[in-house]
Amino acid sequence: GDGLSDVPCMKMMRTYGGQAIAVYQEENRQGVEDLLSKGRV
């Protein structure tokens, strides 16, 4: 996914043993870096 709208699914992956990946364009890089720093992806 790419951002906050994907967090519920990303959390499921992290909780149940799957993997969560966020992709970005430069304009939303800071947002996905925040997801990584908070352990959401």
PDB file of all heavy atoms in Angstrom:
ATOM      1  N   GLY A   1       0.828  -1.204   0.000  1.00  0.00           N
ATOM      2  CA  GLY A   1       0.000   0.000   0.000  1.00  0.00           C
ATOM      3  C   GLY A   1       0.854   1.242   0.000  1.00  0.00           C
ATOM      4  O   GLY A   1       2.072   1.180  -0.207  1.00  0.00           O
ATOM      5  N   ASP A   2       0.216   2.381   0.258  1.00  0.00           N
ATOM      6  CA  ASP A   2       0.972   3.633   0.163  1.00  0.00           C
ATOM      7  C   ASP A   2       0.761   4.594   1.322  1.00  0.00           C
ATOM      8  O   ASP A   2       1.438   5.623   1.389  1.00  0.00           O
ATOM      9  CB  ASP A   2       0.610   4.368  -1.138  1.00  0.00           C
ATOM     10  CG  ASP A   2      -0.809   4.929  -1.104  1.00  0.00           C
ATOM     11  OD1 ASP A   2      -1.753   4.161  -1.320  1.00  0.00           O
ATOM     12  OD2 ASP A   2      -0.983   6.131  -0.848  1.00  0.00           O
ATOM     13  N   GLY A   3      -0.165   4.307   2.235  1.00  0.00           N
ATOM     14  CA  GLY A   3      -0.380   5.319   3.260  1.00  0.00           C
ATOM     15  C   GLY A   3      -1.331   4.900   4.356  1.00  0.00           C
ATOM     16  O   GLY A   3      -1.612   3.710   4.568  1.00  0.00           O
ATOM     17  N   LEU A   4      -1.898   5.905   5.046  1.00  0.00           N
ATOM     18  CA  LEU A   4      -2.703   5.663   6.239  1.00  0.00           C
ATOM     19  C   LEU A   4      -3.938   4.823   5.949  1.00  0.00           C
ATOM     20  O   LEU A   4      -4.401   4.069   6.811  1.00  0.00           O
ATOM     21  CB  LEU A   4      -3.113   6.999   6.867  1.00  0.00           C
ATOM     22  CG  LEU A   4      -1.992   7.786   7.549  1.00  0.00           C
ATOM     23  CD1 LEU A   4      -2.511   9.142   8.015  1.00  0.00           C
ATOM     24  CD2 LEU A   4      -1.426   6.998   8.723  1.00  0.00           C
ATOM     25  N   SER A   5      -4.509   4.943   4.747  1.00  0.00           N
ATOM     26  CA  SER A   5      -5.713   4.167   4.436  1.00  0.00           C
ATOM     27  C   SER A   5      -5.438   2.664   4.429  1.00  0.00           C
ATOM     28  O   SER A   5      -6.365   1.861   4.490  1.00  0.00           O
ATOM     29  CB  SER A   5      -6.292   4.594   3.084  1.00  0.00           C
ATOM     30  OG  SER A   5      -5.420   4.259   2.029  1.00  0.00           O
ATOM     31  N   ASP A   6      -4.171   2.300   4.353  1.00  0.00           N
ATOM     32  CA  ASP A   6      -3.801   0.881   4.313  1.00  0.00           C
ATOM     33  C   ASP A   6      -3.391   0.333   5.678  1.00  0.00           C
ATOM     34  O   ASP A   6      -3.122  -0.868   5.804  1.00  0.00           O
ATOM     35  CB  ASP A   6      -2.635   0.685   3.340  1.00  0.00           C
ATOM     36  CG  ASP A   6      -2.972   1.147   1.936  1.00  0.00           C
ATOM     37  OD1 ASP A   6      -3.921   0.585   1.361  1.00  0.00           O
ATOM     38  OD2 ASP A   6      -2.313   2.075   1.431  1.00  0.00           O
ATOM     39  N   VAL A   7      -3.342   1.183   6.684  1.00  0.00           N
ATOM     40  CA  VAL A   7      -2.820   0.774   7.982  1.00  0.00           C
ATOM     41  C   VAL A   7      -3.569  -0.415   8.593  1.00  0.00           C
ATOM     42  O   VAL A   7      -2.932  -1.331   9.124  1.00  0.00           O
ATOM     43  CB  VAL A   7      -2.765   1.970   8.953  1.00  0.00           C
ATOM     44  CG1 VAL A   7      -2.570   1.508  10.398  1.00  0.00           C
ATOM     45  CG2 VAL A   7      -1.629   2.909   8.546  1.00  0.00           C
ATOM     46  N   PRO A   8      -4.922  -0.468   8.553  1.00  0.00           N
ATOM     47  CA  PRO A   8      -5.579  -1.640   9.142  1.00  0.00           C
ATOM     48  C   PRO A   8      -5.119  -2.961   8.527  1.00  0.00           C
ATOM     49  O   PRO A   8      -4.880  -3.939   9.246  1.00  0.00           O
ATOM     50  CB  PRO A   8      -7.064  -1.377   8.868  1.00  0.00           C
ATOM     51  CG  PRO A   8      -7.174   0.116   8.826  1.00  0.00           C
ATOM     52  CD  PRO A   8      -5.913   0.564   8.145  1.00  0.00           C
ATOM     53  N   CYS A   9      -4.969  -2.997   7.197  1.00  0.00           N
ATOM     54  CA  CYS A   9      -4.497  -4.228   6.546  1.00  0.00           C
ATOM     55  C   CYS A   9      -3.033  -4.489   6.861  1.00  0.00           C
ATOM     56  O   CYS A   9      -2.619  -5.638   7.066  1.00  0.00           O
ATOM     57  CB  CYS A   9      -4.697  -4.131   5.036  1.00  0.00           C
ATOM     58  SG  CYS A   9      -6.425  -4.190   4.519  1.00  0.00           S
ATOM     59  N   MET A  10      -2.243  -3.422   6.894  1.00  0.00           N
ATOM     60  CA  MET A  10      -0.835  -3.591   7.237  1.00  0.00           C
ATOM     61  C   MET A  10      -0.674  -4.129   8.649  1.00  0.00           C
ATOM     62  O   MET A  10       0.169  -4.993   8.914  1.00  0.00           O
ATOM     63  CB  MET A  10      -0.110  -2.249   7.087  1.00  0.00           C
ATOM     64  CG  MET A  10       0.023  -1.777   5.650  1.00  0.00           C
ATOM     65  SD  MET A  10       0.646  -0.074   5.552  1.00  0.00           S
ATOM     66  CE  MET A  10       1.009   0.051   3.791  1.00  0.00           C
ATOM     67  N   LYS A  11      -1.505  -3.638   9.558  1.00  0.00           N
ATOM     68  CA  LYS A  11      -1.439  -4.120  10.943  1.00  0.00           C
ATOM     69  C   LYS A  11      -1.798  -5.600  11.018  1.00  0.00           C
ATOM     70  O   LYS A  11      -1.190  -6.366  11.773  1.00  0.00           O
ATOM     71  CB  LYS A  11      -2.372  -3.296  11.838  1.00  0.00           C
ATOM     72  CG  LYS A  11      -2.316  -3.707  13.312  1.00  0.00           C
ATOM     73  CD  LYS A  11      -3.140  -2.786  14.164  1.00  0.00           C
ATOM     74  CE  LYS A  11      -3.152  -3.242  15.623  1.00  0.00           C
ATOM     75  NZ  LYS A  11      -1.816  -3.328  16.215  1.00  0.00           N
ATOM     76  N   MET A  12      -2.788  -6.020  10.219  1.00  0.00           N
ATOM     77  CA  MET A  12      -3.125  -7.443  10.171  1.00  0.00           C
ATOM     78  C   MET A  12      -1.927  -8.280   9.755  1.00  0.00           C
ATOM     79  O   MET A  12      -1.642  -9.327  10.334  1.00  0.00           O
ATOM     80  CB  MET A  12      -4.274  -7.684   9.188  1.00  0.00           C
ATOM     81  CG  MET A  12      -5.632  -7.314   9.700  1.00  0.00           C
ATOM     82  SD  MET A  12      -6.912  -7.804   8.527  1.00  0.00           S
ATOM     83  CE  MET A  12      -6.845  -9.593   8.705  1.00  0.00           C
ATOM     84  N   MET A  13      -1.226  -7.813   8.725  1.00  0.00           N
ATOM     85  CA  MET A  13      -0.057  -8.549   8.261  1.00  0.00           C
ATOM     86  C   MET A  13       0.976  -8.663   9.375  1.00  0.00           C
ATOM     87  O   MET A  13       1.525  -9.733   9.648  1.00  0.00           O
ATOM     88  CB  MET A  13       0.570  -7.853   7.047  1.00  0.00           C
ATOM     89  CG  MET A  13      -0.289  -7.797   5.800  1.00  0.00           C
ATOM     90  SD  MET A  13      -0.683  -9.422   5.138  1.00  0.00           S
ATOM     91  CE  MET A  13      -2.380  -9.611   5.699  1.00  0.00           C
ATOM     92  N   ARG A  14       1.240  -7.539  10.024  1.00  0.00           N
ATOM     93  CA  ARG A  14       2.251  -7.526  11.078  1.00  0.00           C
ATOM     94  C   ARG A  14       1.833  -8.394  12.267  1.00  0.00           C
ATOM     95  O   ARG A  14       2.669  -9.022  12.908  1.00  0.00           O
ATOM     96  CB  ARG A  14       2.473  -6.082  11.556  1.00  0.00           C
ATOM     97  CG  ARG A  14       2.952  -5.125  10.465  1.00  0.00           C
ATOM     98  CD  ARG A  14       4.445  -5.086  10.373  1.00  0.00           C
ATOM     99  NE  ARG A  14       5.000  -4.530  11.592  1.00  0.00           N
ATOM    100  CZ  ARG A  14       6.270  -4.644  11.957  1.00  0.00           C
ATOM    101  NH1 ARG A  14       7.107  -5.329  11.204  1.00  0.00           N
ATOM    102  NH2 ARG A  14       6.718  -4.105  13.074  1.00  0.00           N
ATOM    103  N   THR A  15       0.541  -8.444  12.555  1.00  0.00           N
ATOM    104  CA  THR A  15       0.050  -9.193  13.707  1.00  0.00           C
ATOM    105  C   THR A  15       0.049 -10.695  13.468  1.00  0.00           C
ATOM    106  O   THR A  15       0.389 -11.483  14.360  1.00  0.00           O
ATOM    107  CB  THR A  15      -1.381  -8.729  14.066  1.00  0.00           C
ATOM    108  OG1 THR A  15      -1.358  -7.332  14.382  1.00  0.00           O
ATOM    109  CG2 THR A  15      -1.929  -9.506  15.263  1.00  0.00           C
ATOM    110  N   TYR A  16      -0.310 -11.099  12.247  1.00  0.00           N
ATOM    111  CA  TYR A  16      -0.521 -12.515  11.967  1.00  0.00           C
ATOM    112  C   TYR A  16       0.595 -13.157  11.156  1.00  0.00           C
ATOM    113  O   TYR A  16       0.450 -14.288  10.695  1.00  0.00           O
ATOM    114  CB  TYR A  16      -1.855 -12.710  11.254  1.00  0.00           C
ATOM    115  CG  TYR A  16      -3.047 -12.342  12.114  1.00  0.00           C
ATOM    116  CD1 TYR A  16      -3.930 -11.345  11.723  1.00  0.00           C
ATOM    117  CD2 TYR A  16      -3.275 -12.984  13.328  1.00  0.00           C
ATOM    118  CE1 TYR A  16      -5.023 -11.001  12.501  1.00  0.00           C
ATOM    119  CE2 TYR A  16      -4.353 -12.654  14.114  1.00  0.00           C
ATOM    120  CZ  TYR A  16      -5.231 -11.659  13.701  1.00  0.00           C
ATOM    121  OH  TYR A  16      -6.293 -11.319  14.485  1.00  0.00           O
ATOM    122  N   GLY A  17       1.713 -12.473  10.981  1.00  0.00           N
ATOM    123  CA  GLY A  17       2.866 -13.120  10.390  1.00  0.00           C
ATOM    124  C   GLY A  17       3.076 -12.895   8.908  1.00  0.00           C
ATOM    125  O   GLY A  17       3.983 -13.491   8.317  1.00  0.00           O
ATOM    126  N   GLY A  18       2.257 -12.058   8.282  1.00  0.00           N
ATOM    127  CA  GLY A  18       2.495 -11.684   6.887  1.00  0.00           C
ATOM    128  C   GLY A  18       3.502 -10.543   6.816  1.00  0.00           C
ATOM    129  O   GLY A  18       4.178 -10.217   7.799  1.00  0.00           O
ATOM    130  N   GLN A  19       3.603  -9.932   5.641  1.00  0.00           N
ATOM    131  CA  GLN A  19       4.539  -8.830   5.445  1.00  0.00           C
ATOM    132  C   GLN A  19       3.794  -7.618   4.887  1.00  0.00           C
ATOM    133  O   GLN A  19       2.879  -7.761   4.065  1.00  0.00           O
ATOM    134  CB  GLN A  19       5.638  -9.230   4.456  1.00  0.00           C
ATOM    135  CG  GLN A  19       6.498 -10.388   4.921  1.00  0.00           C
ATOM    136  CD  GLN A  19       7.548  -9.970   5.933  1.00  0.00           C
ATOM    137  OE1 GLN A  19       8.303  -9.031   5.727  1.00  0.00           O
ATOM    138  NE2 GLN A  19       7.607 -10.690   7.042  1.00  0.00           N
ATOM    139  N   ALA A  20       4.178  -6.434   5.330  1.00  0.00           N
ATOM    140  CA  ALA A  20       3.554  -5.187   4.879  1.00  0.00           C
ATOM    141  C   ALA A  20       4.607  -4.287   4.253  1.00  0.00           C
ATOM    142  O   ALA A  20       5.659  -4.040   4.853  1.00  0.00           O
ATOM    143  CB  ALA A  20       2.873  -4.480   6.045  1.00  0.00           C
ATOM    144  N   ILE A  21       4.314  -3.801   3.058  1.00  0.00           N
ATOM    145  CA  ILE A  21       5.230  -2.936   2.317  1.00  0.00           C
ATOM    146  C   ILE A  21       4.504  -1.653   1.944  1.00  0.00           C
ATOM    147  O   ILE A  21       3.358  -1.691   1.479  1.00  0.00           O
ATOM    148  CB  ILE A  21       5.727  -3.633   1.031  1.00  0.00           C
ATOM    149  CG1 ILE A  21       6.545  -4.877   1.376  1.00  0.00           C
ATOM    150  CG2 ILE A  21       6.538  -2.680   0.159  1.00  0.00           C
ATOM    151  CD1 ILE A  21       6.934  -5.714   0.165  1.00  0.00           C
ATOM    152  N   ALA A  22       5.149  -0.517   2.144  1.00  0.00           N
ATOM    153  CA  ALA A  22       4.611   0.765   1.682  1.00  0.00           C
ATOM    154  C   ALA A  22       5.486   1.295   0.552  1.00  0.00           C
ATOM    155  O   ALA A  22       6.714   1.283   0.658  1.00  0.00           O
ATOM    156  CB  ALA A  22       4.563   1.778   2.830  1.00  0.00           C
ATOM    157  N   VAL A  23       4.853   1.720  -0.533  1.00  0.00           N
ATOM    158  CA  VAL A  23       5.576   2.329  -1.650  1.00  0.00           C
ATOM    159  C   VAL A  23       5.285   3.822  -1.655  1.00  0.00           C
ATOM    160  O   VAL A  23       4.264   4.276  -1.137  1.00  0.00           O
ATOM    161  CB  VAL A  23       5.189   1.689  -3.000  1.00  0.00           C
ATOM    162  CG1 VAL A  23       5.571   0.215  -3.025  1.00  0.00           C
ATOM    163  CG2 VAL A  23       3.707   1.855  -3.297  1.00  0.00           C
ATOM    164  N   TYR A  24       6.188   4.580  -2.256  1.00  0.00           N
ATOM    165  CA  TYR A  24       6.020   6.030  -2.197  1.00  0.00           C
ATOM    166  C   TYR A  24       6.530   6.720  -3.465  1.00  0.00           C
ATOM    167  O   TYR A  24       7.362   6.200  -4.192  1.00  0.00           O
ATOM    168  CB  TYR A  24       6.742   6.608  -0.982  1.00  0.00           C
ATOM    169  CG  TYR A  24       8.251   6.408  -0.971  1.00  0.00           C
ATOM    170  CD1 TYR A  24       9.105   7.295  -1.642  1.00  0.00           C
ATOM    171  CD2 TYR A  24       8.830   5.339  -0.285  1.00  0.00           C
ATOM    172  CE1 TYR A  24      10.481   7.118  -1.628  1.00  0.00           C
ATOM    173  CE2 TYR A  24      10.203   5.149  -0.267  1.00  0.00           C
ATOM    174  CZ  TYR A  24      11.026   6.050  -0.943  1.00  0.00           C
ATOM    175  OH  TYR A  24      12.385   5.865  -0.935  1.00  0.00           O
ATOM    176  N   GLN A  25       5.956   7.899  -3.691  1.00  0.00           N
ATOM    177  CA  GLN A  25       6.512   8.905  -4.574  1.00  0.00           C
ATOM    178  C   GLN A  25       7.166   9.940  -3.662  1.00  0.00           C
ATOM    179  O   GLN A  25       6.887   9.985  -2.462  1.00  0.00           O
ATOM    180  CB  GLN A  25       5.407   9.530  -5.424  1.00  0.00           C
ATOM    181  CG  GLN A  25       4.645   8.500  -6.255  1.00  0.00           C
ATOM    182  CD  GLN A  25       3.437   9.087  -6.959  1.00  0.00           C
ATOM    183  OE1 GLN A  25       3.552   9.718  -8.006  1.00  0.00           O
ATOM    184  NE2 GLN A  25       2.263   8.863  -6.378  1.00  0.00           N
ATOM    185  N   GLU A  26       7.998  10.777  -4.214  1.00  0.00           N
ATOM    186  CA  GLU A  26       8.749  11.699  -3.353  1.00  0.00           C
ATOM    187  C   GLU A  26       7.846  12.538  -2.468  1.00  0.00           C
ATOM    188  O   GLU A  26       8.172  12.814  -1.317  1.00  0.00           O
ATOM    189  CB  GLU A  26       9.656  12.607  -4.191  1.00  0.00           C
ATOM    190  CG  GLU A  26      11.014  12.014  -4.498  1.00  0.00           C
ATOM    191  CD  GLU A  26      11.753  11.492  -3.257  1.00  0.00           C
ATOM    192  OE1 GLU A  26      11.824  12.220  -2.248  1.00  0.00           O
ATOM    193  OE2 GLU A  26      12.243  10.351  -3.289  1.00  0.00           O
ATOM    194  N   GLU A  27       6.661  12.924  -3.003  1.00  0.00           N
ATOM    195  CA  GLU A  27       5.797  13.809  -2.216  1.00  0.00           C
ATOM    196  C   GLU A  27       5.195  13.133  -1.000  1.00  0.00           C
ATOM    197  O   GLU A  27       4.733  13.815  -0.082  1.00  0.00           O
ATOM    198  CB  GLU A  27       4.677  14.397  -3.092  1.00  0.00           C
ATOM    199  CG  GLU A  27       3.796  13.367  -3.761  1.00  0.00           C
ATOM    200  CD  GLU A  27       4.234  13.076  -5.194  1.00  0.00           C
ATOM    201  OE1 GLU A  27       5.450  13.149  -5.472  1.00  0.00           O
ATOM    202  OE2 GLU A  27       3.353  12.787  -6.016  1.00  0.00           O
ATOM    203  N   ASN A  28       5.162  11.791  -0.958  1.00  0.00           N
ATOM    204  CA  ASN A  28       4.634  11.147   0.249  1.00  0.00           C
ATOM    205  C   ASN A  28       5.679  10.281   0.945  1.00  0.00           C
ATOM    206  O   ASN A  28       5.350   9.433   1.774  1.00  0.00           O
ATOM    207  CB  ASN A  28       3.377  10.324  -0.075  1.00  0.00           C
ATOM    208  CG  ASN A  28       3.680   8.998  -0.754  1.00  0.00           C
ATOM    209  OD1 ASN A  28       4.494   8.950  -1.673  1.00  0.00           O
ATOM    210  ND2 ASN A  28       3.025   7.927  -0.320  1.00  0.00           N
ATOM    211  N   ARG A  29       6.950  10.544   0.646  1.00  0.00           N
ATOM    212  CA  ARG A  29       8.005   9.755   1.277  1.00  0.00           C
ATOM    213  C   ARG A  29       8.000   9.925   2.792  1.00  0.00           C
ATOM    214  O   ARG A  29       8.154   8.955   3.537  1.00  0.00           O
ATOM    215  CB  ARG A  29       9.369  10.156   0.714  1.00  0.00           C
ATOM    216  CG  ARG A  29      10.515   9.395   1.359  1.00  0.00           C
ATOM    217  CD  ARG A  29      11.815   9.608   0.642  1.00  0.00           C
ATOM    218  NE  ARG A  29      12.887   8.830   1.233  1.00  0.00           N
ATOM    219  CZ  ARG A  29      14.029   8.540   0.629  1.00  0.00           C
ATOM    220  NH1 ARG A  29      14.264   8.970  -0.602  1.00  0.00           N
ATOM    221  NH2 ARG A  29      14.954   7.817   1.244  1.00  0.00           N
ATOM    222  N   GLN A  30       7.810  11.148   3.255  1.00  0.00           N
ATOM    223  CA  GLN A  30       7.836  11.387   4.698  1.00  0.00           C
ATOM    224  C   GLN A  30       6.731  10.599   5.400  1.00  0.00           C
ATOM    225  O   GLN A  30       6.932  10.052   6.486  1.00  0.00           O
ATOM    226  CB  GLN A  30       7.673  12.882   4.997  1.00  0.00           C
ATOM    227  CG  GLN A  30       7.772  13.225   6.479  1.00  0.00           C
ATOM    228  CD  GLN A  30       7.731  14.716   6.728  1.00  0.00           C
ATOM    229  OE1 GLN A  30       7.798  15.535   5.798  1.00  0.00           O
ATOM    230  NE2 GLN A  30       7.613  15.097   7.989  1.00  0.00           N
ATOM    231  N   GLY A  31       5.566  10.497   4.750  1.00  0.00           N
ATOM    232  CA  GLY A  31       4.459   9.758   5.352  1.00  0.00           C
ATOM    233  C   GLY A  31       4.762   8.281   5.528  1.00  0.00           C
ATOM    234  O   GLY A  31       4.464   7.700   6.569  1.00  0.00           O
ATOM    235  N   VAL A  32       5.378   7.657   4.517  1.00  0.00           N
ATOM    236  CA  VAL A  32       5.668   6.221   4.654  1.00  0.00           C
ATOM    237  C   VAL A  32       6.861   5.989   5.563  1.00  0.00           C
ATOM    238  O   VAL A  32       6.936   4.948   6.238  1.00  0.00           O
ATOM    239  CB  VAL A  32       5.872   5.539   3.276  1.00  0.00           C
ATOM    240  CG1 VAL A  32       4.617   5.635   2.437  1.00  0.00           C
ATOM    241  CG2 VAL A  32       7.053   6.095   2.536  1.00  0.00           C
ATOM    242  N   GLU A  33       7.786   6.952   5.629  1.00  0.00           N
ATOM    243  CA  GLU A  33       8.873   6.830   6.604  1.00  0.00           C
ATOM    244  C   GLU A  33       8.316   6.837   8.021  1.00  0.00           C
ATOM    245  O   GLU A  33       8.817   6.131   8.905  1.00  0.00           O
ATOM    246  CB  GLU A  33       9.891   7.957   6.408  1.00  0.00           C
ATOM    247  CG  GLU A  33      10.758   7.790   5.162  1.00  0.00           C
ATOM    248  CD  GLU A  33      11.724   8.944   4.950  1.00  0.00           C
ATOM    249  OE1 GLU A  33      11.536  10.009   5.592  1.00  0.00           O
ATOM    250  OE2 GLU A  33      12.663   8.783   4.152  1.00  0.00           O
ATOM    251  N   ASP A  34       7.250   7.611   8.219  1.00  0.00           N
ATOM    252  CA  ASP A  34       6.596   7.633   9.528  1.00  0.00           C
ATOM    253  C   ASP A  34       5.959   6.276   9.831  1.00  0.00           C
ATOM    254  O   ASP A  34       6.013   5.791  10.972  1.00  0.00           O
ATOM    255  CB  ASP A  34       5.541   8.736   9.553  1.00  0.00           C
ATOM    256  CG  ASP A  34       4.918   8.910  10.929  1.00  0.00           C
ATOM    257  OD1 ASP A  34       5.666   9.226  11.878  1.00  0.00           O
ATOM    258  OD2 ASP A  34       3.693   8.734  11.059  1.00  0.00           O
ATOM    259  N   LEU A  35       5.358   5.650   8.809  1.00  0.00           N
ATOM    260  CA  LEU A  35       4.790   4.317   9.002  1.00  0.00           C
ATOM    261  C   LEU A  35       5.864   3.324   9.418  1.00  0.00           C
ATOM    262  O   LEU A  35       5.658   2.486  10.302  1.00  0.00           O
ATOM    263  CB  LEU A  35       4.120   3.831   7.708  1.00  0.00           C
ATOM    264  CG  LEU A  35       2.869   4.563   7.231  1.00  0.00           C
ATOM    265  CD1 LEU A  35       2.389   3.967   5.905  1.00  0.00           C
ATOM    266  CD2 LEU A  35       1.756   4.503   8.267  1.00  0.00           C
ATOM    267  N   LEU A  36       7.030   3.420   8.792  1.00  0.00           N
ATOM    268  CA  LEU A  36       8.126   2.513   9.124  1.00  0.00           C
ATOM    269  C   LEU A  36       8.628   2.759  10.542  1.00  0.00           C
ATOM    270  O   LEU A  36       8.836   1.818  11.313  1.00  0.00           O
ATOM    271  CB  LEU A  36       9.265   2.681   8.117  1.00  0.00           C
ATOM    272  CG  LEU A  36      10.474   1.757   8.298  1.00  0.00           C
ATOM    273  CD1 LEU A  36      10.089   0.310   8.041  1.00  0.00           C
ATOM    274  CD2 LEU A  36      11.607   2.179   7.354  1.00  0.00           C
ATOM    275  N   SER A  37       8.810   4.031  10.898  1.00  0.00           N
ATOM    276  CA  SER A  37       9.360   4.349  12.215  1.00  0.00           C
ATOM    277  C   SER A  37       8.423   3.933  13.341  1.00  0.00           C
ATOM    278  O   SER A  37       8.867   3.636  14.451  1.00  0.00           O
ATOM    279  CB  SER A  37       9.662   5.852  12.307  1.00  0.00           C
ATOM    280  OG  SER A  37       8.464   6.619  12.304  1.00  0.00           O
ATOM    281  N   LYS A  38       7.125   3.877  13.050  1.00  0.00           N
ATOM    282  CA  LYS A  38       6.142   3.487  14.060  1.00  0.00           C
ATOM    283  C   LYS A  38       5.823   1.996  14.023  1.00  0.00           C
ATOM    284  O   LYS A  38       4.917   1.527  14.726  1.00  0.00           O
ATOM    285  CB  LYS A  38       4.860   4.307  13.880  1.00  0.00           C
ATOM    286  CG  LYS A  38       5.051   5.784  14.234  1.00  0.00           C
ATOM    287  CD  LYS A  38       3.784   6.582  14.030  1.00  0.00           C
ATOM    288  CE  LYS A  38       3.993   8.048  14.441  1.00  0.00           C
ATOM    289  NZ  LYS A  38       2.799   8.882  14.170  1.00  0.00           N
ATOM    290  N   GLY A  39       6.553   1.255  13.203  1.00  0.00           N
ATOM    291  CA  GLY A  39       6.379  -0.187  13.166  1.00  0.00           C
ATOM    292  C   GLY A  39       5.105  -0.652  12.499  1.00  0.00           C
ATOM    293  O   GLY A  39       4.640  -1.769  12.734  1.00  0.00           O
ATOM    294  N   ARG A  40       4.554   0.180  11.597  1.00  0.00           N
ATOM    295  CA  ARG A  40       3.311  -0.216  10.923  1.00  0.00           C
ATOM    296  C   ARG A  40       3.574  -0.981   9.633  1.00  0.00           C
ATOM    297  O   ARG A  40       2.674  -1.630   9.112  1.00  0.00           O
ATOM    298  CB  ARG A  40       2.462   1.029  10.648  1.00  0.00           C
ATOM    299  CG  ARG A  40       1.911   1.648  11.922  1.00  0.00           C
ATOM    300  CD  ARG A  40       1.127   2.910  11.661  1.00  0.00           C
ATOM    301  NE  ARG A  40       0.150   3.149  12.721  1.00  0.00           N
ATOM    302  CZ  ARG A  40      -0.741   4.137  12.713  1.00  0.00           C
ATOM    303  NH1 ARG A  40      -0.769   4.975  11.696  1.00  0.00           N
ATOM    304  NH2 ARG A  40      -1.590   4.271  13.697  1.00  0.00           N
ATOM    305  N   VAL A  41       4.772  -0.874   9.098  1.00  0.00           N
ATOM    306  CA  VAL A  41       5.142  -1.637   7.903  1.00  0.00           C
ATOM    307  C   VAL A  41       6.513  -2.260   8.119  1.00  0.00           C
ATOM    308  O   VAL A  41       7.282  -1.838   8.991  1.00  0.00           O
ATOM    309  CB  VAL A  41       5.182  -0.744   6.629  1.00  0.00           C
ATOM    310  CG1 VAL A  41       3.809  -0.193   6.308  1.00  0.00           C
ATOM    311  CG2 VAL A  41       6.192   0.381   6.761  1.00  0.00           C
TER     312      VAL A  41
END
